[in-house]
Amino acid sequence: MKLSVKVYNSTFEGKIKAMVSVYFNDCFVIKGFKIIDGKNGLFIANPSKKNGEGEFVDMAHPVTKEFREELYSKIRDEYSKHKISEGNDII
């Protein structure tokens, strides 16, 4: 499977540092991954929405540890390239 990642918004102030889209085989896209500055540094949050109780529920997420590691690695790599091109710090 071919994965490609696009950082499509990195102009946020506050905890959200960027929004990311992930393309699968150039024929399916999932938008809404977030790079967030948390208590222990930057992390990747899956696309989510609030449910009726006000809790956030993932709308899409990796099923296996191996795929999660591959996906998040690609997201981190693309975000790092994006930040370097802007002349900023990387994760």
C-alpha atoms as a PDB file:
ATOM      1  CA  MET A   1       0.000   0.000   0.000  1.00  0.00           C
ATOM      2  CA  LYS A   2       1.292   3.445  -0.911  1.00  0.00           C
ATOM      3  CA  LEU A   3       0.836   6.028   1.845  1.00  0.00           C
ATOM      4  CA  SER A   4       1.350   9.714   1.294  1.00  0.00           C
ATOM      5  CA  VAL A   5       0.899  12.491   3.817  1.00  0.00           C
ATOM      6  CA  LYS A   6       0.114  16.176   3.387  1.00  0.00           C
ATOM      7  CA  VAL A   7       0.361  18.816   6.105  1.00  0.00           C
ATOM      8  CA  TYR A   8      -2.464  21.171   5.138  1.00  0.00           C
ATOM      9  CA  ASN A   9      -2.598  23.668   7.978  1.00  0.00           C
ATOM     10  CA  SER A  10       0.174  24.666  10.345  1.00  0.00           C
ATOM     11  CA  THR A  11      -0.827  28.212  11.223  1.00  0.00           C
ATOM     12  CA  PHE A  12      -2.511  27.394  14.521  1.00  0.00           C
ATOM     13  CA  GLU A  13      -1.658  29.072  17.785  1.00  0.00           C
ATOM     14  CA  GLY A  14      -1.968  27.036  20.949  1.00  0.00           C
ATOM     15  CA  LYS A  15      -1.777  23.270  21.354  1.00  0.00           C
ATOM     16  CA  ILE A  16      -2.711  22.203  17.808  1.00  0.00           C
ATOM     17  CA  LYS A  17       0.389  22.595  15.640  1.00  0.00           C
ATOM     18  CA  ALA A  18      -0.855  21.174  12.319  1.00  0.00           C
ATOM     19  CA  MET A  19      -3.606  19.297  10.509  1.00  0.00           C
ATOM     20  CA  VAL A  20      -2.677  16.359   8.301  1.00  0.00           C
ATOM     21  CA  SER A  21      -4.299  14.339   5.497  1.00  0.00           C
ATOM     22  CA  VAL A  22      -3.290  10.748   4.719  1.00  0.00           C
ATOM     23  CA  TYR A  23      -3.737   9.370   1.194  1.00  0.00           C
ATOM     24  CA  PHE A  24      -3.951   5.621   0.507  1.00  0.00           C
ATOM     25  CA  ASN A  25      -2.845   4.478  -2.970  1.00  0.00           C
ATOM     26  CA  ASP A  26      -3.728   7.958  -4.269  1.00  0.00           C
ATOM     27  CA  CYS A  27      -7.404   6.929  -4.270  1.00  0.00           C
ATOM     28  CA  PHE A  28      -8.662   7.358  -0.676  1.00  0.00           C
ATOM     29  CA  VAL A  29      -7.991  10.147   1.829  1.00  0.00           C
ATOM     30  CA  ILE A  30      -8.559  10.593   5.541  1.00  0.00           C
ATOM     31  CA  LYS A  31      -8.382  14.201   6.730  1.00  0.00           C
ATOM     32  CA  GLY A  32      -8.276  15.427  10.279  1.00  0.00           C
ATOM     33  CA  PHE A  33      -5.161  13.954  11.873  1.00  0.00           C
ATOM     34  CA  LYS A  34      -3.750  16.542  14.277  1.00  0.00           C
ATOM     35  CA  ILE A  35      -0.281  17.193  15.593  1.00  0.00           C
ATOM     36  CA  ILE A  36      -0.742  18.431  19.146  1.00  0.00           C
ATOM     37  CA  ASP A  37       1.689  19.884  21.669  1.00  0.00           C
ATOM     38  CA  GLY A  38       0.854  17.919  24.821  1.00  0.00           C
ATOM     39  CA  LYS A  39       2.302  17.710  28.333  1.00  0.00           C
ATOM     40  CA  ASN A  40       4.987  15.256  27.178  1.00  0.00           C
ATOM     41  CA  GLY A  41       5.730  16.874  23.810  1.00  0.00           C
ATOM     42  CA  LEU A  42       4.180  16.560  20.365  1.00  0.00           C
ATOM     43  CA  PHE A  43       1.848  13.674  19.555  1.00  0.00           C
ATOM     44  CA  ILE A  44      -0.473  12.619  16.744  1.00  0.00           C
ATOM     45  CA  ALA A  45      -4.230  12.540  17.330  1.00  0.00           C
ATOM     46  CA  ASN A  46      -6.555  10.574  15.060  1.00  0.00           C
ATOM     47  CA  PRO A  47      -9.551  12.254  13.383  1.00  0.00           C
ATOM     48  CA  SER A  48     -12.308  12.500  15.978  1.00  0.00           C
ATOM     49  CA  LYS A  49     -15.622  14.117  16.866  1.00  0.00           C
ATOM     50  CA  LYS A  50     -17.549  14.796  20.064  1.00  0.00           C
ATOM     51  CA  ASN A  51     -20.228  12.297  20.998  1.00  0.00           C
ATOM     52  CA  GLY A  52     -23.449  13.064  22.884  1.00  0.00           C
ATOM     53  CA  GLU A  53     -21.653  12.970  26.229  1.00  0.00           C
ATOM     54  CA  GLY A  54     -19.058  15.533  25.127  1.00  0.00           C
ATOM     55  CA  GLU A  55     -16.253  12.986  24.815  1.00  0.00           C
ATOM     56  CA  PHE A  56     -14.054  12.799  21.724  1.00  0.00           C
ATOM     57  CA  VAL A  57     -14.332   9.538  19.772  1.00  0.00           C
ATOM     58  CA  ASP A  58     -11.901   8.515  17.015  1.00  0.00           C
ATOM     59  CA  MET A  59     -13.536   8.420  13.584  1.00  0.00           C
ATOM     60  CA  ALA A  60     -10.582   6.597  11.992  1.00  0.00           C
ATOM     61  CA  HIS A  61      -7.578   4.912  13.563  1.00  0.00           C
ATOM     62  CA  PRO A  62      -4.940   2.255  12.893  1.00  0.00           C
ATOM     63  CA  VAL A  63      -5.970  -1.246  13.921  1.00  0.00           C
ATOM     64  CA  THR A  64      -2.547  -2.835  14.399  1.00  0.00           C
ATOM     65  CA  LYS A  65       0.529  -1.625  16.243  1.00  0.00           C
ATOM     66  CA  GLU A  66       2.669  -2.162  13.137  1.00  0.00           C
ATOM     67  CA  PHE A  67       0.457  -0.018  10.911  1.00  0.00           C
ATOM     68  CA  ARG A  68       0.140   2.680  13.597  1.00  0.00           C
ATOM     69  CA  GLU A  69       3.940   2.882  13.808  1.00  0.00           C
ATOM     70  CA  GLU A  70       4.253   3.084   9.997  1.00  0.00           C
ATOM     71  CA  LEU A  71       1.510   5.703   9.670  1.00  0.00           C
ATOM     72  CA  TYR A  72       2.664   7.909  12.550  1.00  0.00           C
ATOM     73  CA  SER A  73       6.258   7.686  11.332  1.00  0.00           C
ATOM     74  CA  LYS A  74       5.193   8.976   7.907  1.00  0.00           C
ATOM     75  CA  ILE A  75       3.146  11.757   9.522  1.00  0.00           C
ATOM     76  CA  ARG A  76       6.102  12.784  11.737  1.00  0.00           C
ATOM     77  CA  ASP A  77       8.480  12.714   8.760  1.00  0.00           C
ATOM     78  CA  GLU A  78       6.234  14.889   6.609  1.00  0.00           C
ATOM     79  CA  TYR A  79       5.608  17.336   9.460  1.00  0.00           C
ATOM     80  CA  SER A  80       9.361  17.581  10.055  1.00  0.00           C
ATOM     81  CA  LYS A  81       9.956  18.331   6.344  1.00  0.00           C
ATOM     82  CA  HIS A  82       7.188  20.921   6.460  1.00  0.00           C
ATOM     83  CA  LYS A  83       8.666  22.614   9.526  1.00  0.00           C
ATOM     84  CA  ILE A  84      12.176  22.601   8.040  1.00  0.00           C
ATOM     85  CA  SER A  85      10.850  24.232   4.869  1.00  0.00           C
ATOM     86  CA  GLU A  86       9.325  26.935   7.091  1.00  0.00           C
ATOM     87  CA  GLY A  87      12.564  27.261   9.073  1.00  0.00           C
ATOM     88  CA  ASN A  88      11.050  26.032  12.367  1.00  0.00           C
ATOM     89  CA  ASP A  89      11.762  23.290  14.903  1.00  0.00           C
ATOM     90  CA  ILE A  90      10.958  19.656  14.093  1.00  0.00           C
ATOM     91  CA  ILE A  91       9.535  16.760  16.095  1.00  0.00           C
END
